[in-house]
């Protein structure tokens, strides 16, 4: 992770890596708080942005505008399709 690696940033990266599916910032923050970690929501936002910029995480925005994140398991760039409606 670029920049200064704090204990909080390390916890965020580990939590994201331990979660296989895409997750929102708010849900990731809730998981960490439930596990007893005292990390601010703004720290989670900044850390996830740094992980995406470093190529260590993937992200997409859903139809309601909410950003989702997942740790990148390969070094390759990937594209994700989001189904916006179901055809009958």
PDB file of N, CA and C in Angstrom:
ATOM      1  N   UNK A   1       0.855  -1.173   0.000  1.00  0.00           N
ATOM      2  CA  UNK A   1       0.000   0.000   0.000  1.00  0.00           C
ATOM      3  C   UNK A   1       0.898   1.233   0.000  1.00  0.00           C
ATOM      4  N   UNK A   2       0.577   2.199  -0.837  1.00  0.00           N
ATOM      5  CA  UNK A   2       1.420   3.394  -0.891  1.00  0.00           C
ATOM      6  C   UNK A   2       1.265   4.241   0.365  1.00  0.00           C
ATOM      7  N   UNK A   3       2.279   5.046   0.600  1.00  0.00           N
ATOM      8  CA  UNK A   3       2.215   5.941   1.752  1.00  0.00           C
ATOM      9  C   UNK A   3       2.581   5.236   3.036  1.00  0.00           C
ATOM     10  N   UNK A   4       2.328   5.920   4.104  1.00  0.00           N
ATOM     11  CA  UNK A   4       2.653   5.429   5.432  1.00  0.00           C
ATOM     12  C   UNK A   4       1.651   4.350   5.838  1.00  0.00           C
ATOM     13  N   UNK A   5       2.147   3.159   6.162  1.00  0.00           N
ATOM     14  CA  UNK A   5       1.268   2.052   6.542  1.00  0.00           C
ATOM     15  C   UNK A   5       1.083   2.057   8.054  1.00  0.00           C
ATOM     16  N   UNK A   6      -0.136   2.418   8.448  1.00  0.00           N
ATOM     17  CA  UNK A   6      -0.469   2.428   9.869  1.00  0.00           C
ATOM     18  C   UNK A   6      -1.131   1.110  10.243  1.00  0.00           C
ATOM     19  N   UNK A   7      -1.288   0.898  11.529  1.00  0.00           N
ATOM     20  CA  UNK A   7      -1.973  -0.293  12.012  1.00  0.00           C
ATOM     21  C   UNK A   7      -3.402  -0.324  11.479  1.00  0.00           C
ATOM     22  N   UNK A   8      -4.053   0.839  11.441  1.00  0.00           N
ATOM     23  CA  UNK A   8      -5.418   0.912  10.942  1.00  0.00           C
ATOM     24  C   UNK A   8      -5.495   0.547   9.461  1.00  0.00           C
ATOM     25  N   UNK A   9      -4.581   1.058   8.663  1.00  0.00           N
ATOM     26  CA  UNK A   9      -4.562   0.734   7.236  1.00  0.00           C
ATOM     27  C   UNK A   9      -4.334  -0.755   7.024  1.00  0.00           C
ATOM     28  N   UNK A  10      -3.474  -1.338   7.831  1.00  0.00           N
ATOM     29  CA  UNK A  10      -3.198  -2.773   7.729  1.00  0.00           C
ATOM     30  C   UNK A  10      -4.456  -3.581   8.053  1.00  0.00           C
ATOM     31  N   UNK A  11      -5.192  -3.184   9.074  1.00  0.00           N
ATOM     32  CA  UNK A  11      -6.433  -3.876   9.453  1.00  0.00           C
ATOM     33  C   UNK A  11      -7.462  -3.780   8.327  1.00  0.00           C
ATOM     34  N   UNK A  12      -7.589  -2.606   7.736  1.00  0.00           N
ATOM     35  CA  UNK A  12      -8.535  -2.417   6.634  1.00  0.00           C
ATOM     36  C   UNK A  12      -8.168  -3.315   5.464  1.00  0.00           C
ATOM     37  N   UNK A  13      -6.904  -3.335   5.085  1.00  0.00           N
ATOM     38  CA  UNK A  13      -6.454  -4.176   3.972  1.00  0.00           C
ATOM     39  C   UNK A  13      -6.690  -5.654   4.266  1.00  0.00           C
ATOM     40  N   UNK A  14      -6.409  -6.076   5.480  1.00  0.00           N
ATOM     41  CA  UNK A  14      -6.626  -7.475   5.854  1.00  0.00           C
ATOM     42  C   UNK A  14      -8.109  -7.838   5.844  1.00  0.00           C
ATOM     43  N   UNK A  15      -8.943  -6.934   6.332  1.00  0.00           N
ATOM     44  CA  UNK A  15     -10.380  -7.182   6.358  1.00  0.00           C
ATOM     45  C   UNK A  15     -10.933  -7.271   4.933  1.00  0.00           C
ATOM     46  N   UNK A  16     -10.475  -6.393   4.053  1.00  0.00           N
ATOM     47  CA  UNK A  16     -10.921  -6.430   2.666  1.00  0.00           C
ATOM     48  C   UNK A  16     -10.456  -7.718   1.996  1.00  0.00           C
ATOM     49  N   UNK A  17      -9.229  -8.111   2.239  1.00  0.00           N
ATOM     50  CA  UNK A  17      -8.692  -9.343   1.663  1.00  0.00           C
ATOM     51  C   UNK A  17      -9.446 -10.565   2.177  1.00  0.00           C
ATOM     52  N   UNK A  18      -9.880 -10.523   3.420  1.00  0.00           N
ATOM     53  CA  UNK A  18     -10.608 -11.643   4.006  1.00  0.00           C
ATOM     54  C   UNK A  18     -12.061 -11.732   3.575  1.00  0.00           C
ATOM     55  N   UNK A  19     -12.531 -10.741   2.839  1.00  0.00           N
ATOM     56  CA  UNK A  19     -13.919 -10.716   2.364  1.00  0.00           C
ATOM     57  C   UNK A  19     -13.890 -10.976   0.859  1.00  0.00           C
ATOM     58  N   UNK A  20     -14.411 -12.118   0.424  1.00  0.00           N
ATOM     59  CA  UNK A  20     -14.285 -12.543  -0.977  1.00  0.00           C
ATOM     60  C   UNK A  20     -15.141 -11.730  -1.945  1.00  0.00           C
ATOM     61  N   UNK A  21     -16.263 -11.227  -1.502  1.00  0.00           N
ATOM     62  CA  UNK A  21     -17.187 -10.512  -2.387  1.00  0.00           C
ATOM     63  C   UNK A  21     -16.950  -9.003  -2.330  1.00  0.00           C
ATOM     64  N   UNK A  22     -17.525  -8.297  -3.299  1.00  0.00           N
ATOM     65  CA  UNK A  22     -17.495  -6.840  -3.245  1.00  0.00           C
ATOM     66  C   UNK A  22     -18.265  -6.375  -2.010  1.00  0.00           C
ATOM     67  N   UNK A  23     -17.799  -5.285  -1.404  1.00  0.00           N
ATOM     68  CA  UNK A  23     -18.411  -4.773  -0.179  1.00  0.00           C
ATOM     69  C   UNK A  23     -18.363  -3.245  -0.207  1.00  0.00           C
ATOM     70  N   UNK A  24     -19.359  -2.629   0.395  1.00  0.00           N
ATOM     71  CA  UNK A  24     -19.378  -1.166   0.466  1.00  0.00           C
ATOM     72  C   UNK A  24     -18.476  -0.702   1.609  1.00  0.00           C
ATOM     73  N   UNK A  25     -18.126   0.555   1.578  1.00  0.00           N
ATOM     74  CA  UNK A  25     -17.308   1.139   2.643  1.00  0.00           C
ATOM     75  C   UNK A  25     -18.036   1.022   3.983  1.00  0.00           C
ATOM     76  N   UNK A  26     -19.322   1.339   3.965  1.00  0.00           N
ATOM     77  CA  UNK A  26     -20.093   1.311   5.203  1.00  0.00           C
ATOM     78  C   UNK A  26     -20.162  -0.109   5.787  1.00  0.00           C
ATOM     79  N   UNK A  27     -20.363  -1.109   4.924  1.00  0.00           N
ATOM     80  CA  UNK A  27     -20.426  -2.492   5.405  1.00  0.00           C
ATOM     81  C   UNK A  27     -19.074  -2.969   5.921  1.00  0.00           C
ATOM     82  N   UNK A  28     -17.998  -2.595   5.237  1.00  0.00           N
ATOM     83  CA  UNK A  28     -16.661  -2.964   5.693  1.00  0.00           C
ATOM     84  C   UNK A  28     -16.366  -2.307   7.035  1.00  0.00           C
ATOM     85  N   UNK A  29     -16.721  -1.047   7.166  1.00  0.00           N
ATOM     86  CA  UNK A  29     -16.534  -0.314   8.415  1.00  0.00           C
ATOM     87  C   UNK A  29     -17.308  -0.989   9.545  1.00  0.00           C
ATOM     88  N   UNK A  30     -18.550  -1.376   9.262  1.00  0.00           N
ATOM     89  CA  UNK A  30     -19.375  -2.052  10.265  1.00  0.00           C
ATOM     90  C   UNK A  30     -18.746  -3.380  10.700  1.00  0.00           C
ATOM     91  N   UNK A  31     -18.229  -4.147   9.746  1.00  0.00           N
ATOM     92  CA  UNK A  31     -17.568  -5.420  10.086  1.00  0.00           C
ATOM     93  C   UNK A  31     -16.380  -5.196  11.018  1.00  0.00           C
ATOM     94  N   UNK A  32     -15.583  -4.196  10.712  1.00  0.00           N
ATOM     95  CA  UNK A  32     -14.403  -3.922  11.537  1.00  0.00           C
ATOM     96  C   UNK A  32     -14.808  -3.437  12.926  1.00  0.00           C
ATOM     97  N   UNK A  33     -15.800  -2.577  13.001  1.00  0.00           N
ATOM     98  CA  UNK A  33     -16.266  -2.098  14.307  1.00  0.00           C
ATOM     99  C   UNK A  33     -16.848  -3.244  15.128  1.00  0.00           C
ATOM    100  N   UNK A  34     -17.583  -4.147  14.470  1.00  0.00           N
ATOM    101  CA  UNK A  34     -18.156  -5.308  15.154  1.00  0.00           C
ATOM    102  C   UNK A  34     -17.070  -6.235  15.694  1.00  0.00           C
ATOM    103  N   UNK A  35     -15.929  -6.243  15.023  1.00  0.00           N
ATOM    104  CA  UNK A  35     -14.798  -7.066  15.465  1.00  0.00           C
ATOM    105  C   UNK A  35     -13.975  -6.365  16.545  1.00  0.00           C
ATOM    106  N   UNK A  36     -14.384  -5.131  16.920  1.00  0.00           N
ATOM    107  CA  UNK A  36     -13.714  -4.426  18.000  1.00  0.00           C
ATOM    108  C   UNK A  36     -12.650  -3.433  17.563  1.00  0.00           C
ATOM    109  N   UNK A  37     -12.512  -3.223  16.251  1.00  0.00           N
ATOM    110  CA  UNK A  37     -11.514  -2.264  15.757  1.00  0.00           C
ATOM    111  C   UNK A  37     -12.111  -0.858  15.774  1.00  0.00           C
ATOM    112  N   UNK A  38     -11.354   0.083  16.294  1.00  0.00           N
ATOM    113  CA  UNK A  38     -11.798   1.478  16.341  1.00  0.00           C
ATOM    114  C   UNK A  38     -11.155   2.242  15.198  1.00  0.00           C
ATOM    115  N   UNK A  39     -11.853   2.239  14.072  1.00  0.00           N
ATOM    116  CA  UNK A  39     -11.349   2.885  12.863  1.00  0.00           C
ATOM    117  C   UNK A  39     -12.444   3.795  12.333  1.00  0.00           C
ATOM    118  N   UNK A  40     -12.079   5.023  12.025  1.00  0.00           N
ATOM    119  CA  UNK A  40     -13.050   5.979  11.511  1.00  0.00           C
ATOM    120  C   UNK A  40     -13.444   5.692  10.077  1.00  0.00           C
ATOM    121  N   UNK A  41     -14.662   6.053   9.736  1.00  0.00           N
ATOM    122  CA  UNK A  41     -15.177   5.837   8.394  1.00  0.00           C
ATOM    123  C   UNK A  41     -14.337   6.570   7.344  1.00  0.00           C
ATOM    124  N   UNK A  42     -13.877   7.766   7.648  1.00  0.00           N
ATOM    125  CA  UNK A  42     -13.056   8.512   6.682  1.00  0.00           C
ATOM    126  C   UNK A  42     -11.720   7.810   6.436  1.00  0.00           C
ATOM    127  N   UNK A  43     -11.181   7.138   7.438  1.00  0.00           N
ATOM    128  CA  UNK A  43      -9.943   6.377   7.267  1.00  0.00           C
ATOM    129  C   UNK A  43     -10.178   5.200   6.326  1.00  0.00           C
ATOM    130  N   UNK A  44     -11.329   4.574   6.434  1.00  0.00           N
ATOM    131  CA  UNK A  44     -11.668   3.460   5.539  1.00  0.00           C
ATOM    132  C   UNK A  44     -11.776   3.969   4.107  1.00  0.00           C
ATOM    133  N   UNK A  45     -12.476   5.092   3.909  1.00  0.00           N
ATOM    134  CA  UNK A  45     -12.594   5.678   2.567  1.00  0.00           C
ATOM    135  C   UNK A  45     -11.217   5.977   1.971  1.00  0.00           C
ATOM    136  N   UNK A  46     -10.364   6.658   2.726  1.00  0.00           N
ATOM    137  CA  UNK A  46      -9.045   7.042   2.217  1.00  0.00           C
ATOM    138  C   UNK A  46      -8.184   5.818   1.909  1.00  0.00           C
ATOM    139  N   UNK A  47      -8.244   4.816   2.773  1.00  0.00           N
ATOM    140  CA  UNK A  47      -7.434   3.621   2.582  1.00  0.00           C
ATOM    141  C   UNK A  47      -7.894   2.835   1.356  1.00  0.00           C
ATOM    142  N   UNK A  48      -9.204   2.699   1.184  1.00  0.00           N
ATOM    143  CA  UNK A  48      -9.703   1.986   0.010  1.00  0.00           C
ATOM    144  C   UNK A  48      -9.348   2.727  -1.273  1.00  0.00           C
ATOM    145  N   UNK A  49      -9.414   4.041  -1.259  1.00  0.00           N
ATOM    146  CA  UNK A  49      -9.003   4.829  -2.429  1.00  0.00           C
ATOM    147  C   UNK A  49      -7.534   4.600  -2.744  1.00  0.00           C
ATOM    148  N   UNK A  50      -6.699   4.543  -1.712  1.00  0.00           N
ATOM    149  CA  UNK A  50      -5.266   4.286  -1.912  1.00  0.00           C
ATOM    150  C   UNK A  50      -5.036   2.880  -2.456  1.00  0.00           C
ATOM    151  N   UNK A  51      -5.803   1.895  -1.974  1.00  0.00           N
ATOM    152  CA  UNK A  51      -5.662   0.524  -2.468  1.00  0.00           C
ATOM    153  C   UNK A  51      -6.055   0.417  -3.940  1.00  0.00           C
ATOM    154  N   UNK A  52      -7.122   1.117  -4.328  1.00  0.00           N
ATOM    155  CA  UNK A  52      -7.538   1.122  -5.729  1.00  0.00           C
ATOM    156  C   UNK A  52      -6.462   1.787  -6.581  1.00  0.00           C
ATOM    157  N   UNK A  53      -5.959   2.937  -6.138  1.00  0.00           N
ATOM    158  CA  UNK A  53      -4.924   3.651  -6.884  1.00  0.00           C
ATOM    159  C   UNK A  53      -3.655   2.817  -7.047  1.00  0.00           C
ATOM    160  N   UNK A  54      -3.355   1.990  -6.043  1.00  0.00           N
ATOM    161  CA  UNK A  54      -2.158   1.143  -6.089  1.00  0.00           C
ATOM    162  C   UNK A  54      -2.392  -0.143  -6.875  1.00  0.00           C
ATOM    163  N   UNK A  55      -3.632  -0.375  -7.309  1.00  0.00           N
ATOM    164  CA  UNK A  55      -3.942  -1.591  -8.049  1.00  0.00           C
ATOM    165  C   UNK A  55      -4.162  -2.805  -7.167  1.00  0.00           C
ATOM    166  N   UNK A  56      -4.341  -2.582  -5.865  1.00  0.00           N
ATOM    167  CA  UNK A  56      -4.524  -3.691  -4.935  1.00  0.00           C
ATOM    168  C   UNK A  56      -5.996  -4.000  -4.679  1.00  0.00           C
ATOM    169  N   UNK A  57      -6.902  -3.175  -5.211  1.00  0.00           N
ATOM    170  CA  UNK A  57      -8.335  -3.397  -5.032  1.00  0.00           C
ATOM    171  C   UNK A  57      -9.072  -2.988  -6.296  1.00  0.00           C
ATOM    172  N   UNK A  58     -10.205  -3.635  -6.516  1.00  0.00           N
ATOM    173  CA  UNK A  58     -11.101  -3.293  -7.621  1.00  0.00           C
ATOM    174  C   UNK A  58     -12.312  -2.589  -7.048  1.00  0.00           C
ATOM    175  N   UNK A  59     -12.969  -1.809  -7.888  1.00  0.00           N
ATOM    176  CA  UNK A  59     -14.138  -1.067  -7.432  1.00  0.00           C
ATOM    177  C   UNK A  59     -15.140  -0.909  -8.560  1.00  0.00           C
ATOM    178  N   UNK A  60     -16.397  -0.771  -8.205  1.00  0.00           N
ATOM    179  CA  UNK A  60     -17.432  -0.393  -9.162  1.00  0.00           C
ATOM    180  C   UNK A  60     -18.525   0.358  -8.419  1.00  0.00           C
ATOM    181  N   UNK A  61     -19.281   1.145  -9.168  1.00  0.00           N
ATOM    182  CA  UNK A  61     -20.385   1.920  -8.606  1.00  0.00           C
ATOM    183  C   UNK A  61     -21.688   1.266  -9.073  1.00  0.00           C
ATOM    184  N   UNK A  62     -22.590   0.949  -8.123  1.00  0.00           N
ATOM    185  CA  UNK A  62     -23.851   0.312  -8.496  1.00  0.00           C
ATOM    186  C   UNK A  62     -24.839   1.351  -9.026  1.00  0.00           C
ATOM    187  N   UNK A  63     -26.020   0.900  -9.413  1.00  0.00           N
ATOM    188  CA  UNK A  63     -26.995   1.790 -10.045  1.00  0.00           C
ATOM    189  C   UNK A  63     -27.490   2.896  -9.122  1.00  0.00           C
ATOM    190  N   UNK A  64     -27.380   2.685  -7.820  1.00  0.00           N
ATOM    191  CA  UNK A  64     -27.797   3.739  -6.886  1.00  0.00           C
ATOM    192  C   UNK A  64     -26.649   4.691  -6.546  1.00  0.00           C
ATOM    193  N   UNK A  65     -25.475   4.453  -7.142  1.00  0.00           N
ATOM    194  CA  UNK A  65     -24.337   5.340  -6.937  1.00  0.00           C
ATOM    195  C   UNK A  65     -23.405   4.934  -5.816  1.00  0.00           C
ATOM    196  N   UNK A  66     -23.661   3.799  -5.180  1.00  0.00           N
ATOM    197  CA  UNK A  66     -22.826   3.345  -4.070  1.00  0.00           C
ATOM    198  C   UNK A  66     -21.614   2.590  -4.611  1.00  0.00           C
ATOM    199  N   UNK A  67     -20.442   2.952  -4.109  1.00  0.00           N
ATOM    200  CA  UNK A  67     -19.185   2.337  -4.519  1.00  0.00           C
ATOM    201  C   UNK A  67     -18.981   1.032  -3.747  1.00  0.00           C
ATOM    202  N   UNK A  68     -18.508  -0.002  -4.456  1.00  0.00           N
ATOM    203  CA  UNK A  68     -18.217  -1.304  -3.856  1.00  0.00           C
ATOM    204  C   UNK A  68     -16.749  -1.632  -4.112  1.00  0.00           C
ATOM    205  N   UNK A  69     -16.121  -2.346  -3.189  1.00  0.00           N
ATOM    206  CA  UNK A  69     -14.694  -2.641  -3.269  1.00  0.00           C
ATOM    207  C   UNK A  69     -14.442  -4.124  -3.023  1.00  0.00           C
ATOM    208  N   UNK A  70     -13.361  -4.631  -3.617  1.00  0.00           N
ATOM    209  CA  UNK A  70     -12.908  -5.994  -3.375  1.00  0.00           C
ATOM    210  C   UNK A  70     -11.405  -6.022  -3.585  1.00  0.00           C
ATOM    211  N   UNK A  71     -10.719  -6.782  -2.744  1.00  0.00           N
ATOM    212  CA  UNK A  71      -9.270  -6.925  -2.906  1.00  0.00           C
ATOM    213  C   UNK A  71      -8.991  -7.614  -4.237  1.00  0.00           C
ATOM    214  N   UNK A  72      -7.997  -7.139  -4.944  1.00  0.00           N
ATOM    215  CA  UNK A  72      -7.620  -7.749  -6.214  1.00  0.00           C
ATOM    216  C   UNK A  72      -6.763  -8.962  -5.932  1.00  0.00           C
ATOM    217  N   UNK A  73      -7.178 -10.100  -6.471  1.00  0.00           N
ATOM    218  CA  UNK A  73      -6.449 -11.347  -6.225  1.00  0.00           C
ATOM    219  C   UNK A  73      -5.381 -11.605  -7.274  1.00  0.00           C
ATOM    220  N   UNK A  74      -5.460 -10.904  -8.398  1.00  0.00           N
ATOM    221  CA  UNK A  74      -4.439 -11.030  -9.434  1.00  0.00           C
ATOM    222  C   UNK A  74      -3.905  -9.645  -9.745  1.00  0.00           C
ATOM    223  N   UNK A  75      -2.792  -9.592 -10.420  1.00  0.00           N
ATOM    224  CA  UNK A  75      -2.215  -8.314 -10.797  1.00  0.00           C
ATOM    225  C   UNK A  75      -2.840  -7.726 -12.054  1.00  0.00           C
ATOM    226  N   UNK A  76      -3.744  -8.483 -12.677  1.00  0.00           N
ATOM    227  CA  UNK A  76      -4.346  -8.047 -13.927  1.00  0.00           C
ATOM    228  C   UNK A  76      -5.552  -7.154 -13.686  1.00  0.00           C
ATOM    229  N   UNK A  77      -5.705  -6.155 -14.557  1.00  0.00           N
ATOM    230  CA  UNK A  77      -6.880  -5.298 -14.502  1.00  0.00           C
ATOM    231  C   UNK A  77      -8.093  -6.100 -14.958  1.00  0.00           C
ATOM    232  N   UNK A  78      -9.226  -5.938 -14.288  1.00  0.00           N
ATOM    233  CA  UNK A  78     -10.429  -6.673 -14.651  1.00  0.00           C
ATOM    234  C   UNK A  78     -11.592  -5.714 -14.829  1.00  0.00           C
ATOM    235  N   UNK A  79     -12.546  -6.124 -15.659  1.00  0.00           N
ATOM    236  CA  UNK A  79     -13.773  -5.359 -15.857  1.00  0.00           C
ATOM    237  C   UNK A  79     -14.922  -6.168 -15.289  1.00  0.00           C
ATOM    238  N   UNK A  80     -15.899  -5.488 -14.719  1.00  0.00           N
ATOM    239  CA  UNK A  80     -17.040  -6.152 -14.103  1.00  0.00           C
ATOM    240  C   UNK A  80     -18.322  -5.656 -14.744  1.00  0.00           C
ATOM    241  N   UNK A  81     -19.222  -6.589 -14.997  1.00  0.00           N
ATOM    242  CA  UNK A  81     -20.529  -6.244 -15.534  1.00  0.00           C
ATOM    243  C   UNK A  81     -21.526  -6.213 -14.387  1.00  0.00           C
ATOM    244  N   UNK A  82     -22.354  -5.201 -14.389  1.00  0.00           N
ATOM    245  CA  UNK A  82     -23.382  -5.079 -13.367  1.00  0.00           C
ATOM    246  C   UNK A  82     -24.723  -5.149 -14.070  1.00  0.00           C
ATOM    247  N   UNK A  83     -25.533  -6.151 -13.720  1.00  0.00           N
ATOM    248  CA  UNK A  83     -26.849  -6.279 -14.323  1.00  0.00           C
ATOM    249  C   UNK A  83     -27.768  -5.263 -13.675  1.00  0.00           C
ATOM    250  N   UNK A  84     -28.358  -4.403 -14.489  1.00  0.00           N
ATOM    251  CA  UNK A  84     -29.188  -3.326 -13.968  1.00  0.00           C
ATOM    252  C   UNK A  84     -30.668  -3.662 -13.961  1.00  0.00           C
ATOM    253  N   UNK A  85     -31.088  -4.600 -14.786  1.00  0.00           N
ATOM    254  CA  UNK A  85     -32.487  -5.033 -14.754  1.00  0.00           C
ATOM    255  C   UNK A  85     -32.574  -6.447 -15.303  1.00  0.00           C
ATOM    256  N   UNK A  86     -33.656  -7.092 -14.953  1.00  0.00           N
ATOM    257  CA  UNK A  86     -33.884  -8.452 -15.399  1.00  0.00           C
ATOM    258  C   UNK A  86     -34.951  -8.393 -16.477  1.00  0.00           C
ATOM    259  N   UNK A  87     -34.672  -8.975 -17.624  1.00  0.00           N
ATOM    260  CA  UNK A  87     -35.665  -9.034 -18.697  1.00  0.00           C
ATOM    261  C   UNK A  87     -36.596 -10.201 -18.449  1.00  0.00           C
ATOM    262  N   UNK A  88     -37.894  -9.997 -18.637  1.00  0.00           N
ATOM    263  CA  UNK A  88     -38.855 -11.089 -18.384  1.00  0.00           C
ATOM    264  C   UNK A  88     -38.744 -12.206 -19.402  1.00  0.00           C
TER     265      UNK A  88
END
